[in-house]
Each structure stands twice: as C-alpha cells, then as structure tokens.
Amino acid sequence: VHIGCDEPTLGVHPLTKAAAAAEVYGVSAVFVRHVERTVGVARRLGCSTLMWHDAGVSMSDALLLKLLRTGVTLVVWEYRGVGLELDAGAFTFAERIVATAKGDSSERVPMVATSYKGGDACDAVVPDETARLTNQFAWRQWAETATARHGPTAPVEGIVLTGWSRFGHLMPL
C-alpha cells in the first residue's frame, strides 16, 4: 500500500501542535506515530507499505530508526538526469537509511525511484530520454557503490519506476 507522505505539511493543526509540544522530537515524533498506526492497519490486512522519503530527511538518526522499525519501506526519489552526482541529497539520504538500519533486526533498506517519463519540466510534452537514462544509471551507480561499502546484501529493496502524466497535482493532464 502506498501511503504517500511526500510533501507533508506537518504541525499546522492545533491538536498536532499540542501533541508535538509533548514530544522530545516534536512534530516528527507525532508523524512517526501516525505512520506506525497506518502501517499497523495495513499489516493487519496482510499488506506491506511504501512511503516517499521526504518526511524523514530532517529526522534525527534515532527517530529515523524508529520510523524504519514501523515496517514501512521508504522510497527515495530523485529524477534529475544531468549533473547528478553521488553526493546529491537523495543518494546521501538513501545511504543514511542503509547505515541507520544496518545491524538492526528490521534491516529496512530503501527502495529507489526514477522515472521513465515526466519530472522534467511543467511544459514538457516528450520525455527527455537522455535525462531519464542518466538518472537510472546514476541510481545503478549508487547501488553498486553502496553494495561495495556495506557488503553483498543489496542496499535497495527494489526500484519504483514512475511515469508522470502531469507535472504537479493541480495541473491538467
């Protein structure tokens, strides 16, 4: 089950603000508790869960590990093609997930996301094939590098290949 959690707006509602004030890790802890409950429902229905990585980027390592222990699989996305280096934010965060989960009994490794169309520009009509392939090869290079660093265990659980029909939620198809 894809539970999203990308582009979250956290800590706006008064009840969330009050709950966050009572937590050591603030609104991020409230968010992790929400994910934990959502994953629990999915698990009782016999489903696994995926969520985009965005909300976890600013979390402390301790809270990130707590998020990973919920059983959710984080999908780390990056769609840029040209100029994408292995120190880009998404690659760094994917590495952080692997390092944080290493040795933990949950062994949660991320999935990664690339796209075969879309994600280039709001007015793009035809996919930029070079950018799409460059991005996919960059993820492959990251996975090979991470495998060399962390051993033979795969550093990714899988790949999500997205295909955008529009650039933003409010734009027409």
N, C-alpha and C. Protein backbone atom coordinates (compact mmCIF):
# COMPACT_ATOMS: atom_id res chain seq x y z
N VAL A 1 0.86 -1.17 0.00
CA VAL A 1 0.00 0.00 0.00
C VAL A 1 0.90 1.23 0.00
N HIS A 2 0.65 2.12 -0.93
CA HIS A 2 1.41 3.37 -0.98
C HIS A 2 0.71 4.38 -0.07
N ILE A 3 1.40 4.81 1.00
CA ILE A 3 0.78 5.75 1.93
C ILE A 3 1.25 7.18 1.70
N GLY A 4 2.05 7.39 0.68
CA GLY A 4 2.44 8.75 0.30
C GLY A 4 3.42 9.38 1.25
N CYS A 5 2.95 10.37 1.99
CA CYS A 5 3.75 11.13 2.96
C CYS A 5 4.79 12.01 2.30
N ASP A 6 4.64 12.28 1.01
CA ASP A 6 5.55 13.22 0.36
C ASP A 6 4.96 14.62 0.48
N GLU A 7 5.82 15.58 0.48
CA GLU A 7 5.41 16.97 0.61
C GLU A 7 4.45 17.19 1.78
N PRO A 8 4.81 16.65 2.95
CA PRO A 8 3.88 16.78 4.09
C PRO A 8 3.87 18.20 4.65
N THR A 9 2.71 18.59 5.12
CA THR A 9 2.58 19.83 5.86
C THR A 9 2.33 19.41 7.31
N LEU A 10 3.36 19.51 8.11
CA LEU A 10 3.30 18.98 9.47
C LEU A 10 3.19 20.10 10.50
N GLY A 11 2.44 19.83 11.55
CA GLY A 11 2.40 20.74 12.69
C GLY A 11 1.57 21.97 12.51
N VAL A 12 0.56 21.93 11.66
CA VAL A 12 -0.28 23.09 11.42
C VAL A 12 -1.54 23.07 12.30
N HIS A 13 -2.16 21.91 12.41
CA HIS A 13 -3.39 21.78 13.18
C HIS A 13 -3.11 21.95 14.66
N PRO A 14 -3.99 22.64 15.41
CA PRO A 14 -3.77 22.85 16.85
C PRO A 14 -3.57 21.55 17.65
N LEU A 15 -4.28 20.49 17.30
CA LEU A 15 -4.11 19.22 18.03
C LEU A 15 -2.71 18.63 17.77
N THR A 16 -2.23 18.79 16.54
CA THR A 16 -0.89 18.31 16.21
C THR A 16 0.16 19.14 16.94
N LYS A 17 -0.05 20.44 16.97
CA LYS A 17 0.89 21.32 17.69
C LYS A 17 0.96 20.94 19.16
N ALA A 18 -0.19 20.66 19.76
CA ALA A 18 -0.22 20.28 21.18
C ALA A 18 0.49 18.95 21.41
N ALA A 19 0.24 17.98 20.52
CA ALA A 19 0.89 16.67 20.64
C ALA A 19 2.40 16.81 20.45
N ALA A 20 2.81 17.65 19.50
CA ALA A 20 4.23 17.86 19.24
C ALA A 20 4.94 18.50 20.42
N ALA A 21 4.25 19.40 21.10
CA ALA A 21 4.84 20.08 22.25
C ALA A 21 5.16 19.11 23.38
N ALA A 22 4.46 17.99 23.41
CA ALA A 22 4.67 16.99 24.47
C ALA A 22 5.72 15.95 24.10
N GLU A 23 6.28 16.04 22.90
CA GLU A 23 7.25 15.06 22.40
C GLU A 23 8.66 15.63 22.40
N VAL A 24 9.62 14.80 22.74
CA VAL A 24 11.03 15.21 22.70
C VAL A 24 11.43 15.59 21.27
N TYR A 25 10.99 14.79 20.29
CA TYR A 25 11.34 15.05 18.89
C TYR A 25 10.29 15.88 18.16
N GLY A 26 9.36 16.46 18.89
CA GLY A 26 8.40 17.38 18.30
C GLY A 26 7.46 16.75 17.30
N VAL A 27 7.15 17.51 16.25
CA VAL A 27 6.16 17.10 15.27
C VAL A 27 6.61 15.85 14.50
N SER A 28 7.91 15.65 14.34
CA SER A 28 8.38 14.45 13.65
C SER A 28 7.99 13.19 14.41
N ALA A 29 7.99 13.24 15.73
CA ALA A 29 7.58 12.08 16.54
C ALA A 29 6.10 11.80 16.36
N VAL A 30 5.30 12.84 16.25
CA VAL A 30 3.86 12.68 16.00
C VAL A 30 3.67 12.03 14.64
N PHE A 31 4.44 12.47 13.67
CA PHE A 31 4.38 11.90 12.33
C PHE A 31 4.73 10.41 12.35
N VAL A 32 5.80 10.04 13.05
CA VAL A 32 6.21 8.64 13.13
C VAL A 32 5.11 7.80 13.78
N ARG A 33 4.49 8.34 14.81
CA ARG A 33 3.38 7.63 15.46
C ARG A 33 2.23 7.41 14.48
N HIS A 34 1.93 8.40 13.65
CA HIS A 34 0.88 8.28 12.64
C HIS A 34 1.24 7.19 11.63
N VAL A 35 2.50 7.18 11.16
CA VAL A 35 2.93 6.16 10.21
C VAL A 35 2.85 4.78 10.85
N GLU A 36 3.27 4.69 12.10
CA GLU A 36 3.22 3.41 12.82
C GLU A 36 1.80 2.84 12.86
N ARG A 37 0.85 3.70 13.15
CA ARG A 37 -0.56 3.26 13.18
C ARG A 37 -1.05 2.86 11.80
N THR A 38 -0.69 3.64 10.79
CA THR A 38 -1.11 3.35 9.42
C THR A 38 -0.52 2.03 8.94
N VAL A 39 0.75 1.83 9.21
CA VAL A 39 1.42 0.58 8.83
C VAL A 39 0.78 -0.60 9.57
N GLY A 40 0.41 -0.39 10.83
CA GLY A 40 -0.25 -1.44 11.60
C GLY A 40 -1.55 -1.89 10.97
N VAL A 41 -2.33 -0.95 10.49
CA VAL A 41 -3.60 -1.28 9.82
C VAL A 41 -3.32 -2.08 8.55
N ALA A 42 -2.37 -1.59 7.76
CA ALA A 42 -2.02 -2.29 6.52
C ALA A 42 -1.52 -3.70 6.81
N ARG A 43 -0.68 -3.83 7.82
CA ARG A 43 -0.13 -5.14 8.18
C ARG A 43 -1.25 -6.11 8.58
N ARG A 44 -2.23 -5.62 9.36
CA ARG A 44 -3.35 -6.48 9.75
C ARG A 44 -4.16 -6.94 8.55
N LEU A 45 -4.12 -6.19 7.47
CA LEU A 45 -4.82 -6.55 6.24
C LEU A 45 -3.93 -7.38 5.32
N GLY A 46 -2.71 -7.70 5.79
CA GLY A 46 -1.79 -8.52 5.01
C GLY A 46 -1.01 -7.75 3.96
N CYS A 47 -0.90 -6.45 4.13
CA CYS A 47 -0.21 -5.61 3.14
C CYS A 47 1.07 -5.02 3.70
N SER A 48 2.02 -4.78 2.82
CA SER A 48 3.21 -4.02 3.18
C SER A 48 2.96 -2.57 2.76
N THR A 49 3.81 -1.66 3.21
CA THR A 49 3.58 -0.24 2.94
C THR A 49 4.83 0.43 2.39
N LEU A 50 4.59 1.37 1.51
CA LEU A 50 5.63 2.22 0.93
C LEU A 50 5.28 3.66 1.20
N MET A 51 6.29 4.48 1.46
CA MET A 51 6.08 5.92 1.54
C MET A 51 7.28 6.63 0.95
N TRP A 52 7.07 7.82 0.42
CA TRP A 52 8.16 8.62 -0.11
C TRP A 52 9.04 9.10 1.05
N HIS A 53 10.29 9.34 0.76
CA HIS A 53 11.28 9.62 1.79
C HIS A 53 11.23 11.04 2.37
N ASP A 54 10.55 11.95 1.73
CA ASP A 54 10.62 13.37 2.05
C ASP A 54 10.53 13.70 3.54
N ALA A 55 9.55 13.12 4.22
CA ALA A 55 9.31 13.47 5.62
C ALA A 55 10.43 13.01 6.55
N GLY A 56 11.22 12.02 6.14
CA GLY A 56 12.27 11.51 7.01
C GLY A 56 13.59 12.23 6.93
N VAL A 57 13.77 13.08 5.94
CA VAL A 57 15.06 13.71 5.68
C VAL A 57 15.58 14.50 6.88
N SER A 58 14.73 15.26 7.53
CA SER A 58 15.19 16.12 8.62
C SER A 58 15.16 15.43 9.99
N MET A 59 14.81 14.17 10.05
CA MET A 59 14.74 13.45 11.33
C MET A 59 16.13 13.12 11.86
N SER A 60 16.22 13.04 13.17
CA SER A 60 17.45 12.55 13.80
C SER A 60 17.61 11.08 13.46
N ASP A 61 18.81 10.53 13.64
CA ASP A 61 19.03 9.12 13.36
C ASP A 61 18.15 8.24 14.25
N ALA A 62 17.98 8.64 15.51
CA ALA A 62 17.16 7.84 16.43
C ALA A 62 15.71 7.78 15.96
N LEU A 63 15.19 8.92 15.53
CA LEU A 63 13.81 8.94 15.07
C LEU A 63 13.67 8.25 13.72
N LEU A 64 14.66 8.39 12.85
CA LEU A 64 14.64 7.69 11.57
C LEU A 64 14.62 6.18 11.80
N LEU A 65 15.41 5.69 12.74
CA LEU A 65 15.40 4.26 13.05
C LEU A 65 14.03 3.84 13.56
N LYS A 66 13.41 4.68 14.38
CA LYS A 66 12.06 4.37 14.86
C LYS A 66 11.07 4.30 13.70
N LEU A 67 11.22 5.21 12.73
CA LEU A 67 10.37 5.18 11.54
C LEU A 67 10.59 3.90 10.76
N LEU A 68 11.85 3.52 10.57
CA LEU A 68 12.17 2.29 9.83
C LEU A 68 11.63 1.06 10.56
N ARG A 69 11.63 1.09 11.87
CA ARG A 69 11.14 -0.05 12.66
C ARG A 69 9.63 -0.21 12.59
N THR A 70 8.91 0.78 12.05
CA THR A 70 7.46 0.62 11.87
C THR A 70 7.17 -0.44 10.82
N GLY A 71 8.17 -0.70 9.98
CA GLY A 71 7.99 -1.67 8.90
C GLY A 71 7.72 -1.01 7.55
N VAL A 72 7.59 0.29 7.52
CA VAL A 72 7.38 0.99 6.26
C VAL A 72 8.66 0.94 5.43
N THR A 73 8.52 0.85 4.13
CA THR A 73 9.66 0.93 3.24
C THR A 73 9.71 2.34 2.67
N LEU A 74 10.80 3.03 2.91
CA LEU A 74 10.95 4.37 2.36
C LEU A 74 11.40 4.27 0.91
N VAL A 75 10.76 5.06 0.05
CA VAL A 75 11.12 5.13 -1.36
C VAL A 75 11.82 6.47 -1.57
N VAL A 76 13.10 6.40 -1.87
CA VAL A 76 13.91 7.61 -2.06
C VAL A 76 13.88 7.96 -3.54
N TRP A 77 13.40 9.15 -3.83
CA TRP A 77 13.26 9.54 -5.23
C TRP A 77 14.26 10.64 -5.60
N GLU A 78 14.64 10.60 -6.81
CA GLU A 78 15.46 11.65 -7.43
C GLU A 78 15.31 11.47 -8.92
N TYR A 79 14.86 12.50 -9.62
CA TYR A 79 14.56 12.37 -11.04
C TYR A 79 15.51 13.15 -11.94
N ARG A 80 16.37 13.97 -11.36
CA ARG A 80 17.30 14.74 -12.20
C ARG A 80 18.18 13.81 -13.03
N GLY A 81 18.57 14.29 -14.18
CA GLY A 81 19.44 13.50 -15.03
C GLY A 81 20.82 14.10 -15.13
N VAL A 82 20.91 15.24 -15.73
CA VAL A 82 22.19 15.89 -15.98
C VAL A 82 22.73 16.52 -14.69
N GLY A 83 24.01 16.35 -14.45
CA GLY A 83 24.64 16.97 -13.29
C GLY A 83 24.36 16.28 -11.97
N LEU A 84 23.85 15.07 -12.03
CA LEU A 84 23.53 14.34 -10.81
C LEU A 84 24.77 13.61 -10.31
N GLU A 85 25.22 13.98 -9.13
CA GLU A 85 26.42 13.38 -8.54
C GLU A 85 26.03 12.49 -7.37
N LEU A 86 26.90 11.58 -6.99
CA LEU A 86 26.60 10.64 -5.91
C LEU A 86 26.50 11.31 -4.54
N ASP A 87 26.84 12.59 -4.43
CA ASP A 87 26.66 13.29 -3.16
C ASP A 87 25.36 14.10 -3.15
N ALA A 88 24.50 13.89 -4.13
CA ALA A 88 23.20 14.56 -4.17
C ALA A 88 22.39 14.14 -2.94
N GLY A 89 21.47 15.00 -2.54
CA GLY A 89 20.69 14.78 -1.32
C GLY A 89 19.99 13.44 -1.23
N ALA A 90 19.36 13.00 -2.31
CA ALA A 90 18.63 11.73 -2.27
C ALA A 90 19.58 10.56 -2.07
N PHE A 91 20.72 10.57 -2.76
CA PHE A 91 21.69 9.50 -2.59
C PHE A 91 22.24 9.48 -1.17
N THR A 92 22.51 10.67 -0.64
CA THR A 92 23.02 10.78 0.73
C THR A 92 22.00 10.24 1.72
N PHE A 93 20.73 10.54 1.50
CA PHE A 93 19.70 10.05 2.42
C PHE A 93 19.51 8.54 2.27
N ALA A 94 19.56 8.03 1.05
CA ALA A 94 19.46 6.57 0.86
C ALA A 94 20.59 5.87 1.59
N GLU A 95 21.78 6.44 1.50
CA GLU A 95 22.94 5.89 2.23
C GLU A 95 22.70 5.95 3.73
N ARG A 96 22.12 7.03 4.19
CA ARG A 96 21.82 7.18 5.62
C ARG A 96 20.84 6.11 6.10
N ILE A 97 19.85 5.79 5.28
CA ILE A 97 18.90 4.73 5.63
C ILE A 97 19.62 3.41 5.77
N VAL A 98 20.45 3.08 4.80
CA VAL A 98 21.20 1.81 4.83
C VAL A 98 22.08 1.76 6.07
N ALA A 99 22.79 2.84 6.36
CA ALA A 99 23.69 2.88 7.52
C ALA A 99 22.92 2.83 8.83
N THR A 100 21.78 3.51 8.90
CA THR A 100 20.97 3.53 10.13
C THR A 100 20.36 2.17 10.41
N ALA A 101 19.90 1.50 9.36
CA ALA A 101 19.24 0.21 9.54
C ALA A 101 20.23 -0.94 9.69
N LYS A 102 21.49 -0.73 9.30
CA LYS A 102 22.48 -1.81 9.33
C LYS A 102 22.63 -2.36 10.74
N GLY A 103 22.50 -3.66 10.84
CA GLY A 103 22.65 -4.31 12.14
C GLY A 103 21.37 -4.35 12.95
N ASP A 104 20.36 -3.59 12.54
CA ASP A 104 19.07 -3.61 13.23
C ASP A 104 18.30 -4.83 12.74
N SER A 105 17.54 -5.43 13.61
CA SER A 105 16.83 -6.65 13.23
C SER A 105 15.82 -6.41 12.11
N SER A 106 15.36 -5.17 11.96
CA SER A 106 14.38 -4.89 10.90
C SER A 106 15.02 -4.86 9.53
N GLU A 107 16.33 -4.51 9.48
CA GLU A 107 17.08 -4.47 8.22
C GLU A 107 16.29 -3.79 7.11
N ARG A 108 15.71 -2.65 7.38
CA ARG A 108 14.94 -1.92 6.38
C ARG A 108 15.89 -1.18 5.44
N VAL A 109 15.89 -1.56 4.21
CA VAL A 109 16.65 -0.82 3.20
C VAL A 109 15.64 -0.11 2.31
N PRO A 110 16.06 0.96 1.67
CA PRO A 110 15.11 1.72 0.89
C PRO A 110 14.81 1.10 -0.47
N MET A 111 13.74 1.55 -1.06
CA MET A 111 13.53 1.38 -2.49
C MET A 111 13.99 2.71 -3.09
N VAL A 112 14.29 2.72 -4.35
CA VAL A 112 14.65 3.97 -5.01
C VAL A 112 13.65 4.21 -6.14
N ALA A 113 13.50 5.49 -6.50
CA ALA A 113 12.54 5.82 -7.55
C ALA A 113 13.20 6.68 -8.62
N THR A 114 12.94 6.29 -9.83
CA THR A 114 13.35 7.02 -11.01
C THR A 114 12.10 7.16 -11.88
N SER A 115 12.22 7.76 -13.02
CA SER A 115 11.03 7.87 -13.88
C SER A 115 11.40 7.58 -15.33
N TYR A 116 10.43 7.08 -16.06
CA TYR A 116 10.66 6.84 -17.48
C TYR A 116 10.05 7.97 -18.31
N LYS A 117 9.17 8.76 -17.70
CA LYS A 117 8.63 9.95 -18.36
C LYS A 117 8.17 10.91 -17.29
N GLY A 118 8.19 12.18 -17.63
CA GLY A 118 7.75 13.19 -16.68
C GLY A 118 8.87 13.60 -15.74
N GLY A 119 8.56 14.56 -14.88
CA GLY A 119 9.54 15.03 -13.92
C GLY A 119 10.60 15.93 -14.51
N ASP A 120 10.46 16.29 -15.79
CA ASP A 120 11.46 17.12 -16.44
C ASP A 120 11.14 18.61 -16.32
N ALA A 121 9.94 19.00 -16.70
CA ALA A 121 9.52 20.40 -16.66
C ALA A 121 8.01 20.45 -16.81
N CYS A 122 7.41 21.50 -16.31
CA CYS A 122 5.95 21.58 -16.34
C CYS A 122 5.39 21.67 -17.75
N ASP A 123 6.18 22.10 -18.71
CA ASP A 123 5.69 22.22 -20.08
C ASP A 123 6.27 21.15 -21.02
N ALA A 124 6.89 20.14 -20.47
CA ALA A 124 7.47 19.08 -21.30
C ALA A 124 6.37 18.21 -21.89
N VAL A 125 6.46 17.97 -23.18
CA VAL A 125 5.48 17.14 -23.87
C VAL A 125 6.06 15.76 -24.15
N VAL A 126 7.35 15.73 -24.51
CA VAL A 126 8.04 14.49 -24.83
C VAL A 126 9.11 14.25 -23.76
N PRO A 127 9.22 13.02 -23.25
CA PRO A 127 10.24 12.74 -22.24
C PRO A 127 11.65 13.03 -22.74
N ASP A 128 12.49 13.51 -21.85
CA ASP A 128 13.89 13.74 -22.15
C ASP A 128 14.60 12.40 -21.92
N GLU A 129 14.77 11.66 -23.00
CA GLU A 129 15.33 10.30 -22.90
C GLU A 129 16.72 10.28 -22.27
N THR A 130 17.55 11.24 -22.61
CA THR A 130 18.90 11.31 -22.05
C THR A 130 18.85 11.52 -20.54
N ALA A 131 17.99 12.44 -20.10
CA ALA A 131 17.87 12.70 -18.66
C ALA A 131 17.33 11.47 -17.93
N ARG A 132 16.35 10.80 -18.52
CA ARG A 132 15.77 9.61 -17.87
C ARG A 132 16.82 8.51 -17.73
N LEU A 133 17.55 8.23 -18.80
CA LEU A 133 18.57 7.18 -18.75
C LEU A 133 19.72 7.56 -17.82
N THR A 134 20.14 8.82 -17.87
CA THR A 134 21.21 9.28 -16.99
C THR A 134 20.82 9.10 -15.53
N ASN A 135 19.58 9.40 -15.21
CA ASN A 135 19.10 9.24 -13.84
C ASN A 135 19.11 7.77 -13.43
N GLN A 136 18.62 6.91 -14.29
CA GLN A 136 18.57 5.49 -13.96
C GLN A 136 19.97 4.91 -13.78
N PHE A 137 20.90 5.34 -14.62
CA PHE A 137 22.29 4.87 -14.48
C PHE A 137 22.93 5.43 -13.20
N ALA A 138 22.53 6.65 -12.81
CA ALA A 138 23.06 7.22 -11.57
C ALA A 138 22.60 6.40 -10.37
N TRP A 139 21.33 5.98 -10.35
CA TRP A 139 20.85 5.12 -9.26
C TRP A 139 21.58 3.78 -9.26
N ARG A 140 21.83 3.26 -10.43
CA ARG A 140 22.57 1.99 -10.51
C ARG A 140 23.97 2.15 -9.94
N GLN A 141 24.63 3.25 -10.29
CA GLN A 141 25.97 3.51 -9.77
C GLN A 141 25.93 3.65 -8.25
N TRP A 142 24.92 4.36 -7.72
CA TRP A 142 24.81 4.49 -6.27
C TRP A 142 24.66 3.11 -5.62
N ALA A 143 23.79 2.26 -6.19
CA ALA A 143 23.56 0.93 -5.61
C ALA A 143 24.84 0.10 -5.63
N GLU A 144 25.60 0.18 -6.70
CA GLU A 144 26.87 -0.56 -6.77
C GLU A 144 27.86 -0.05 -5.73
N THR A 145 27.93 1.27 -5.57
CA THR A 145 28.83 1.86 -4.58
C THR A 145 28.41 1.48 -3.17
N ALA A 146 27.11 1.53 -2.90
CA ALA A 146 26.60 1.17 -1.56
C ALA A 146 26.84 -0.30 -1.27
N THR A 147 26.69 -1.15 -2.26
CA THR A 147 26.96 -2.58 -2.07
C THR A 147 28.43 -2.81 -1.73
N ALA A 148 29.31 -2.10 -2.41
CA ALA A 148 30.74 -2.23 -2.12
C ALA A 148 31.06 -1.78 -0.69
N ARG A 149 30.34 -0.76 -0.22
CA ARG A 149 30.59 -0.23 1.14
C ARG A 149 29.99 -1.11 2.22
N HIS A 150 28.82 -1.68 1.97
CA HIS A 150 28.08 -2.37 3.02
C HIS A 150 28.07 -3.88 2.90
N GLY A 151 28.70 -4.41 1.89
CA GLY A 151 28.75 -5.86 1.75
C GLY A 151 27.77 -6.35 0.70
N PRO A 152 27.71 -7.68 0.57
CA PRO A 152 26.94 -8.28 -0.52
C PRO A 152 25.42 -8.12 -0.38
N THR A 153 24.94 -7.77 0.79
CA THR A 153 23.50 -7.57 0.95
C THR A 153 23.06 -6.39 0.10
N ALA A 154 21.99 -6.55 -0.63
CA ALA A 154 21.52 -5.48 -1.51
C ALA A 154 21.17 -4.23 -0.72
N PRO A 155 21.65 -3.05 -1.17
CA PRO A 155 21.36 -1.81 -0.47
C PRO A 155 19.98 -1.26 -0.81
N VAL A 156 19.29 -1.88 -1.76
CA VAL A 156 17.94 -1.43 -2.11
C VAL A 156 17.01 -2.63 -2.16
N GLU A 157 15.77 -2.38 -1.78
CA GLU A 157 14.77 -3.44 -1.81
C GLU A 157 14.18 -3.58 -3.20
N GLY A 158 14.20 -2.50 -3.95
CA GLY A 158 13.65 -2.54 -5.30
C GLY A 158 13.66 -1.15 -5.91
N ILE A 159 13.11 -1.07 -7.11
CA ILE A 159 13.06 0.19 -7.84
C ILE A 159 11.62 0.50 -8.20
N VAL A 160 11.21 1.73 -7.96
CA VAL A 160 9.90 2.21 -8.39
C VAL A 160 10.16 3.04 -9.65
N LEU A 161 9.55 2.64 -10.73
CA LEU A 161 9.70 3.35 -11.99
C LEU A 161 8.43 4.16 -12.22
N THR A 162 8.53 5.48 -12.01
CA THR A 162 7.35 6.33 -12.12
C THR A 162 7.17 6.82 -13.55
N GLY A 163 5.95 7.13 -13.89
CA GLY A 163 5.62 7.72 -15.18
C GLY A 163 4.60 8.82 -14.94
N TRP A 164 5.04 10.03 -15.06
CA TRP A 164 4.18 11.17 -14.74
C TRP A 164 3.28 11.51 -15.93
N SER A 165 2.01 11.75 -15.65
CA SER A 165 1.09 12.22 -16.68
C SER A 165 0.90 13.73 -16.59
N ARG A 166 1.34 14.30 -15.51
CA ARG A 166 1.33 15.76 -15.34
C ARG A 166 2.45 16.11 -14.37
N PHE A 167 2.84 17.36 -14.33
CA PHE A 167 3.99 17.76 -13.54
C PHE A 167 3.63 18.05 -12.09
N GLY A 168 2.45 18.56 -11.85
CA GLY A 168 2.01 18.89 -10.49
C GLY A 168 0.57 18.43 -10.29
N HIS A 169 0.17 18.28 -9.05
CA HIS A 169 -1.16 17.77 -8.73
C HIS A 169 -2.29 18.61 -9.30
N LEU A 170 -2.09 19.91 -9.39
CA LEU A 170 -3.16 20.79 -9.83
C LEU A 170 -3.12 21.10 -11.32
N MET A 171 -2.18 20.52 -12.04
CA MET A 171 -2.06 20.79 -13.47
C MET A 171 -2.93 19.81 -14.26
N PRO A 172 -3.39 20.25 -15.43
CA PRO A 172 -4.18 19.33 -16.26
C PRO A 172 -3.31 18.21 -16.81
N LEU A 173 -3.95 17.11 -17.17
CA LEU A 173 -3.23 16.01 -17.80
C LEU A 173 -2.71 16.44 -19.16
